N, C-alpha and C. Protein backbone atom coordinates (compact mmCIF):
# COMPACT_ATOMS: atom_id res chain seq x y z
N MET A 1 75.51 41.39 62.39
CA MET A 1 76.76 42.07 62.11
C MET A 1 77.89 41.35 62.85
N THR A 2 79.01 41.24 62.21
CA THR A 2 80.14 40.51 62.80
C THR A 2 80.83 41.35 63.87
N PRO A 3 81.51 40.70 64.81
CA PRO A 3 82.29 41.45 65.80
C PRO A 3 83.32 42.38 65.14
N ALA A 4 83.92 41.96 64.03
CA ALA A 4 84.89 42.82 63.34
C ALA A 4 84.22 44.09 62.83
N ALA A 5 82.99 43.97 62.33
CA ALA A 5 82.25 45.15 61.85
C ALA A 5 81.90 46.07 63.02
N ILE A 6 81.49 45.50 64.13
CA ILE A 6 81.16 46.30 65.32
C ILE A 6 82.41 47.00 65.84
N PHE A 7 83.54 46.30 65.80
CA PHE A 7 84.81 46.91 66.21
C PHE A 7 85.08 48.17 65.38
N SER A 8 84.90 48.06 64.07
CA SER A 8 85.11 49.20 63.18
C SER A 8 84.13 50.33 63.45
N ILE A 9 82.87 49.98 63.65
CA ILE A 9 81.85 51.00 63.93
C ILE A 9 82.15 51.72 65.24
N ALA A 10 82.52 50.96 66.26
CA ALA A 10 82.84 51.58 67.56
C ALA A 10 83.97 52.59 67.41
N GLY A 11 84.99 52.23 66.65
CA GLY A 11 86.09 53.17 66.42
C GLY A 11 85.67 54.37 65.60
N MET A 12 84.82 54.12 64.61
CA MET A 12 84.38 55.21 63.73
C MET A 12 83.49 56.22 64.45
N ILE A 13 82.74 55.80 65.46
CA ILE A 13 81.92 56.77 66.17
C ILE A 13 82.67 57.43 67.32
N THR A 14 83.74 56.79 67.77
CA THR A 14 84.52 57.34 68.88
C THR A 14 85.52 58.40 68.40
N MET A 15 86.19 58.13 67.32
CA MET A 15 87.23 59.04 66.82
C MET A 15 86.71 60.47 66.58
N PRO A 16 85.58 60.66 65.88
CA PRO A 16 85.10 62.03 65.68
C PRO A 16 84.78 62.76 66.98
N MET A 17 84.32 62.01 67.98
CA MET A 17 84.01 62.65 69.27
C MET A 17 85.29 63.19 69.91
N TRP A 18 86.36 62.41 69.85
CA TRP A 18 87.63 62.90 70.38
C TRP A 18 88.14 64.11 69.61
N ILE A 19 87.99 64.09 68.30
CA ILE A 19 88.41 65.24 67.49
C ILE A 19 87.62 66.49 67.90
N LEU A 20 86.31 66.33 68.06
CA LEU A 20 85.48 67.47 68.51
C LEU A 20 85.93 67.96 69.89
N MET A 21 86.19 67.04 70.80
CA MET A 21 86.56 67.43 72.16
C MET A 21 87.92 68.12 72.20
N ILE A 22 88.85 67.67 71.38
CA ILE A 22 90.20 68.24 71.39
C ILE A 22 90.25 69.57 70.65
N PHE A 23 89.59 69.65 69.50
CA PHE A 23 89.72 70.83 68.65
C PHE A 23 88.55 71.81 68.72
N PHE A 24 87.37 71.32 69.05
CA PHE A 24 86.17 72.17 69.05
C PHE A 24 85.33 71.96 70.32
N PRO A 25 85.95 72.07 71.51
CA PRO A 25 85.21 71.74 72.73
C PRO A 25 84.06 72.69 73.05
N LYS A 26 84.07 73.89 72.53
CA LYS A 26 83.03 74.86 72.86
C LYS A 26 81.95 74.97 71.78
N TRP A 27 82.05 74.19 70.73
CA TRP A 27 81.05 74.19 69.67
C TRP A 27 79.76 73.59 70.21
N LYS A 28 78.63 74.12 69.80
CA LYS A 28 77.35 73.69 70.35
C LYS A 28 77.07 72.20 70.09
N VAL A 29 77.52 71.68 68.96
CA VAL A 29 77.33 70.25 68.68
C VAL A 29 78.14 69.41 69.66
N THR A 30 79.37 69.82 69.90
CA THR A 30 80.23 69.11 70.86
C THR A 30 79.60 69.15 72.24
N LYS A 31 79.15 70.33 72.65
CA LYS A 31 78.53 70.47 73.97
C LYS A 31 77.29 69.58 74.10
N PHE A 32 76.48 69.51 73.05
CA PHE A 32 75.30 68.66 73.07
C PHE A 32 75.70 67.19 73.24
N LEU A 33 76.66 66.75 72.44
CA LEU A 33 77.10 65.35 72.52
C LEU A 33 77.70 65.01 73.87
N ILE A 34 78.38 65.98 74.48
CA ILE A 34 78.95 65.78 75.82
C ILE A 34 77.85 65.78 76.87
N ASP A 35 76.98 66.78 76.82
CA ASP A 35 75.92 66.90 77.83
C ASP A 35 75.03 65.66 77.89
N PHE A 36 74.71 65.11 76.73
CA PHE A 36 73.80 63.97 76.69
C PHE A 36 74.52 62.62 76.56
N LYS A 37 75.86 62.66 76.58
CA LYS A 37 76.68 61.44 76.54
C LYS A 37 76.24 60.50 75.41
N VAL A 38 75.97 61.08 74.25
CA VAL A 38 75.41 60.33 73.12
C VAL A 38 76.31 59.15 72.73
N ILE A 39 77.57 59.41 72.49
CA ILE A 39 78.46 58.34 72.02
C ILE A 39 78.70 57.29 73.12
N PRO A 40 78.96 57.68 74.37
CA PRO A 40 79.09 56.65 75.41
C PRO A 40 77.83 55.80 75.58
N LEU A 41 76.67 56.39 75.37
CA LEU A 41 75.44 55.59 75.46
C LEU A 41 75.34 54.58 74.33
N VAL A 42 75.71 54.98 73.12
CA VAL A 42 75.72 54.04 72.00
C VAL A 42 76.73 52.93 72.27
N LEU A 43 77.91 53.31 72.73
CA LEU A 43 78.93 52.31 73.06
C LEU A 43 78.45 51.38 74.17
N SER A 44 77.74 51.92 75.14
CA SER A 44 77.21 51.09 76.23
C SER A 44 76.23 50.05 75.72
N LEU A 45 75.41 50.43 74.79
CA LEU A 45 74.47 49.48 74.19
C LEU A 45 75.24 48.37 73.46
N LEU A 46 76.23 48.75 72.68
CA LEU A 46 77.05 47.75 71.98
C LEU A 46 77.75 46.83 72.99
N TYR A 47 78.23 47.41 74.08
CA TYR A 47 78.90 46.63 75.13
C TYR A 47 77.95 45.58 75.70
N VAL A 48 76.75 46.01 76.07
CA VAL A 48 75.78 45.10 76.69
C VAL A 48 75.48 43.92 75.75
N ILE A 49 75.28 44.22 74.50
CA ILE A 49 74.99 43.16 73.52
C ILE A 49 76.13 42.14 73.49
N HIS A 50 77.35 42.63 73.41
CA HIS A 50 78.49 41.71 73.23
C HIS A 50 78.94 41.05 74.52
N ILE A 51 78.72 41.67 75.64
CA ILE A 51 79.08 41.00 76.90
C ILE A 51 78.10 39.85 77.15
N PHE A 52 76.82 40.06 76.81
CA PHE A 52 75.86 38.97 76.96
C PHE A 52 76.14 37.83 75.97
N GLN A 53 76.54 38.17 74.77
CA GLN A 53 76.91 37.14 73.81
C GLN A 53 78.12 36.35 74.30
N ALA A 54 79.09 37.06 74.89
CA ALA A 54 80.28 36.39 75.42
C ALA A 54 79.90 35.44 76.56
N ILE A 55 78.98 35.86 77.41
CA ILE A 55 78.54 35.02 78.53
C ILE A 55 77.79 33.80 78.00
N GLN A 56 76.96 34.01 76.99
CA GLN A 56 76.23 32.88 76.40
C GLN A 56 77.18 31.85 75.80
N ILE A 57 78.24 32.32 75.17
CA ILE A 57 79.19 31.42 74.51
C ILE A 57 80.12 30.75 75.53
N GLY A 58 80.66 31.56 76.44
CA GLY A 58 81.71 31.05 77.33
C GLY A 58 81.31 30.89 78.79
N GLY A 59 80.08 31.21 79.14
CA GLY A 59 79.67 31.13 80.54
C GLY A 59 80.12 32.36 81.32
N MET A 60 79.89 32.32 82.61
CA MET A 60 80.26 33.46 83.46
C MET A 60 81.76 33.71 83.39
N MET A 61 82.12 34.93 83.51
CA MET A 61 83.52 35.32 83.35
C MET A 61 84.23 35.29 84.70
N ASP A 62 85.47 34.88 84.64
CA ASP A 62 86.30 34.79 85.84
C ASP A 62 87.35 35.90 85.78
N PHE A 63 87.27 36.82 86.74
CA PHE A 63 88.22 37.92 86.82
C PHE A 63 89.17 37.73 88.01
N GLY A 64 89.26 36.51 88.51
CA GLY A 64 90.00 36.25 89.74
C GLY A 64 91.51 36.18 89.61
N SER A 65 92.01 36.07 88.40
CA SER A 65 93.47 36.02 88.21
C SER A 65 93.81 36.60 86.84
N LEU A 66 95.05 36.95 86.68
CA LEU A 66 95.50 37.47 85.39
C LEU A 66 95.33 36.41 84.31
N THR A 67 95.61 35.18 84.63
CA THR A 67 95.45 34.10 83.66
C THR A 67 94.00 33.98 83.21
N SER A 68 93.07 34.09 84.15
CA SER A 68 91.64 34.01 83.82
C SER A 68 91.21 35.16 82.92
N VAL A 69 91.69 36.36 83.24
CA VAL A 69 91.34 37.53 82.42
C VAL A 69 91.94 37.38 81.03
N MET A 70 93.17 36.91 80.95
CA MET A 70 93.79 36.70 79.63
C MET A 70 92.98 35.69 78.81
N ALA A 71 92.46 34.67 79.45
CA ALA A 71 91.66 33.66 78.75
C ALA A 71 90.37 34.28 78.21
N LEU A 72 89.82 35.24 78.93
CA LEU A 72 88.60 35.90 78.46
C LEU A 72 88.81 36.55 77.10
N PHE A 73 89.97 37.10 76.90
CA PHE A 73 90.25 37.83 75.66
C PHE A 73 90.55 36.92 74.48
N THR A 74 90.40 35.62 74.67
CA THR A 74 90.52 34.71 73.54
C THR A 74 89.16 34.49 72.88
N GLU A 75 88.09 34.91 73.52
CA GLU A 75 86.74 34.81 72.94
C GLU A 75 86.44 36.15 72.27
N GLU A 76 86.05 36.10 71.00
CA GLU A 76 85.89 37.30 70.18
C GLU A 76 84.93 38.33 70.78
N ASN A 77 83.76 37.90 71.25
CA ASN A 77 82.79 38.84 71.81
C ASN A 77 83.26 39.44 73.12
N ALA A 78 83.99 38.66 73.91
CA ALA A 78 84.53 39.19 75.17
C ALA A 78 85.61 40.23 74.89
N ALA A 79 86.48 39.95 73.93
CA ALA A 79 87.52 40.92 73.57
C ALA A 79 86.89 42.20 73.03
N LEU A 80 85.88 42.04 72.19
CA LEU A 80 85.18 43.21 71.65
C LEU A 80 84.52 44.01 72.76
N ALA A 81 83.85 43.32 73.68
CA ALA A 81 83.22 44.02 74.81
C ALA A 81 84.27 44.76 75.63
N GLY A 82 85.41 44.12 75.85
CA GLY A 82 86.49 44.78 76.59
C GLY A 82 86.98 46.03 75.89
N TRP A 83 87.14 45.97 74.58
CA TRP A 83 87.58 47.13 73.81
C TRP A 83 86.55 48.26 73.88
N ILE A 84 85.29 47.91 73.71
CA ILE A 84 84.22 48.92 73.78
C ILE A 84 84.18 49.55 75.17
N HIS A 85 84.43 48.73 76.18
CA HIS A 85 84.49 49.21 77.56
C HIS A 85 85.56 50.30 77.69
N TYR A 86 86.74 50.04 77.16
CA TYR A 86 87.82 51.04 77.16
C TYR A 86 87.41 52.31 76.42
N LEU A 87 86.85 52.14 75.23
CA LEU A 87 86.45 53.30 74.43
C LEU A 87 85.45 54.16 75.18
N ALA A 88 84.44 53.53 75.76
CA ALA A 88 83.38 54.26 76.45
C ALA A 88 83.91 54.97 77.68
N PHE A 89 84.66 54.27 78.51
CA PHE A 89 85.11 54.88 79.76
C PHE A 89 86.16 55.96 79.53
N ASP A 90 87.06 55.76 78.59
CA ASP A 90 88.03 56.82 78.29
C ASP A 90 87.30 58.06 77.79
N LEU A 91 86.29 57.87 76.98
CA LEU A 91 85.50 58.99 76.47
C LEU A 91 84.77 59.71 77.60
N ILE A 92 84.21 58.97 78.52
CA ILE A 92 83.53 59.57 79.67
C ILE A 92 84.52 60.37 80.51
N VAL A 93 85.71 59.85 80.70
CA VAL A 93 86.74 60.58 81.45
C VAL A 93 87.10 61.86 80.72
N GLY A 94 87.27 61.81 79.41
CA GLY A 94 87.56 63.01 78.64
C GLY A 94 86.45 64.05 78.74
N MET A 95 85.22 63.58 78.71
CA MET A 95 84.07 64.49 78.86
C MET A 95 84.05 65.12 80.25
N TRP A 96 84.38 64.32 81.25
CA TRP A 96 84.45 64.84 82.62
C TRP A 96 85.53 65.91 82.74
N MET A 97 86.67 65.66 82.09
CA MET A 97 87.76 66.63 82.13
C MET A 97 87.31 67.96 81.52
N LEU A 98 86.61 67.91 80.40
CA LEU A 98 86.12 69.15 79.79
C LEU A 98 85.10 69.83 80.69
N ASP A 99 84.28 69.05 81.35
CA ASP A 99 83.32 69.62 82.29
C ASP A 99 84.04 70.31 83.45
N GLN A 100 85.08 69.68 83.97
CA GLN A 100 85.88 70.29 85.04
C GLN A 100 86.55 71.57 84.57
N ASN A 101 86.91 71.61 83.30
CA ASN A 101 87.61 72.78 82.78
C ASN A 101 86.70 74.00 82.65
N LYS A 102 85.40 73.82 82.75
CA LYS A 102 84.51 74.98 82.75
C LYS A 102 84.83 75.88 83.94
N LYS A 103 85.21 75.27 85.06
CA LYS A 103 85.57 76.04 86.26
C LYS A 103 87.05 76.43 86.25
N LEU A 104 87.90 75.52 85.79
CA LEU A 104 89.34 75.77 85.79
C LEU A 104 89.76 76.81 84.76
N GLU A 105 89.12 76.77 83.61
CA GLU A 105 89.42 77.66 82.50
C GLU A 105 90.87 77.53 82.00
N LEU A 106 91.32 76.28 81.88
CA LEU A 106 92.63 76.04 81.28
C LEU A 106 92.54 76.32 79.79
N HIS A 107 93.58 76.86 79.23
CA HIS A 107 93.62 77.12 77.79
C HIS A 107 93.54 75.80 77.05
N GLN A 108 92.93 75.82 75.87
CA GLN A 108 92.77 74.59 75.09
C GLN A 108 94.11 73.97 74.70
N LEU A 109 95.16 74.76 74.61
CA LEU A 109 96.48 74.21 74.31
C LEU A 109 97.02 73.36 75.47
N ILE A 110 96.50 73.59 76.66
CA ILE A 110 96.86 72.76 77.81
C ILE A 110 95.93 71.55 77.88
N MET A 111 94.66 71.77 77.58
CA MET A 111 93.69 70.68 77.64
C MET A 111 93.92 69.65 76.54
N ALA A 112 94.31 70.10 75.36
CA ALA A 112 94.44 69.18 74.21
C ALA A 112 95.39 68.01 74.50
N PRO A 113 96.59 68.25 75.06
CA PRO A 113 97.45 67.10 75.36
C PRO A 113 96.85 66.15 76.40
N CYS A 114 96.13 66.72 77.37
CA CYS A 114 95.47 65.87 78.37
C CYS A 114 94.42 64.98 77.71
N LEU A 115 93.62 65.58 76.84
CA LEU A 115 92.58 64.83 76.15
C LEU A 115 93.19 63.79 75.20
N PHE A 116 94.22 64.20 74.46
CA PHE A 116 94.87 63.25 73.55
C PHE A 116 95.47 62.07 74.31
N ALA A 117 96.11 62.37 75.43
CA ALA A 117 96.70 61.30 76.25
C ALA A 117 95.61 60.38 76.81
N THR A 118 94.47 60.94 77.16
CA THR A 118 93.35 60.12 77.64
C THR A 118 92.84 59.24 76.52
N PHE A 119 92.72 59.79 75.34
CA PHE A 119 92.28 59.03 74.16
C PHE A 119 93.23 57.87 73.88
N MET A 120 94.52 58.13 73.93
CA MET A 120 95.50 57.11 73.55
C MET A 120 95.90 56.18 74.70
N PHE A 121 95.96 56.74 75.93
CA PHE A 121 96.53 55.98 77.05
C PHE A 121 95.67 56.03 78.31
N GLY A 122 94.40 56.44 78.18
CA GLY A 122 93.45 56.44 79.29
C GLY A 122 93.97 57.06 80.58
N PRO A 123 94.39 56.25 81.53
CA PRO A 123 94.79 56.76 82.84
C PRO A 123 95.94 57.78 82.81
N LEU A 124 96.81 57.69 81.83
CA LEU A 124 97.91 58.65 81.72
C LEU A 124 97.36 60.07 81.51
N GLY A 125 96.38 60.20 80.61
CA GLY A 125 95.77 61.51 80.37
C GLY A 125 95.02 62.02 81.59
N PHE A 126 94.33 61.12 82.27
CA PHE A 126 93.62 61.48 83.49
C PHE A 126 94.60 61.99 84.54
N LEU A 127 95.70 61.27 84.72
CA LEU A 127 96.73 61.67 85.68
C LEU A 127 97.32 63.03 85.33
N LEU A 128 97.63 63.24 84.06
CA LEU A 128 98.17 64.52 83.61
C LEU A 128 97.19 65.65 83.92
N PHE A 129 95.92 65.43 83.62
CA PHE A 129 94.92 66.45 83.90
C PHE A 129 94.82 66.73 85.39
N LYS A 130 94.82 65.69 86.22
CA LYS A 130 94.71 65.89 87.68
C LYS A 130 95.92 66.65 88.23
N ILE A 131 97.10 66.39 87.70
CA ILE A 131 98.29 67.12 88.13
C ILE A 131 98.16 68.60 87.77
N ILE A 132 97.77 68.88 86.53
CA ILE A 132 97.60 70.26 86.08
C ILE A 132 96.50 70.95 86.88
N LYS A 133 95.41 70.25 87.12
CA LYS A 133 94.29 70.80 87.90
C LYS A 133 94.75 71.16 89.31
N THR A 134 95.51 70.28 89.93
CA THR A 134 96.01 70.52 91.29
C THR A 134 96.93 71.74 91.33
N ILE A 135 97.82 71.82 90.36
CA ILE A 135 98.73 72.98 90.29
C ILE A 135 97.94 74.27 90.10
N LYS A 136 96.98 74.25 89.19
CA LYS A 136 96.15 75.44 88.92
C LYS A 136 95.39 75.86 90.17
N GLN A 137 94.83 74.92 90.90
CA GLN A 137 94.04 75.23 92.09
C GLN A 137 94.92 75.78 93.20
N LYS A 138 96.16 75.30 93.31
CA LYS A 138 97.07 75.81 94.33
C LYS A 138 97.51 77.24 94.02
N GLN A 139 97.53 77.58 92.73
CA GLN A 139 97.91 78.94 92.33
C GLN A 139 96.80 79.93 92.59
N SER A 140 95.59 79.45 92.67
CA SER A 140 94.44 80.36 92.84
C SER A 140 94.23 80.78 94.28
């Protein structure tokens, strides 16, 4: 399968998980997928395959400078692995946020923007959630 096809598959399996987490977080299917980290595990497998392919093609990766990291993203498998890395970790952060919300009990209308921001902008959504969590805990 081509890297372009894997890119599409990774997006196609990630998007429905975010939709479930944002709109149906308490549904038993969503809970199962979160509890067993099904999608992040699939993404992790895809990541491992493509990071090893990138190493085989381009050798060991250099993360020592911005220029070196930028050069990594010129190799198709390395760029794909990097994208899958983002997808998997943002998803894990979103799942963690929902897990934290079991104790916080924030309304879904508050959680949804946090989750959406995590989906679209990763750390921004995490930061938003942590700010709201801190405020909620200080009120308790």
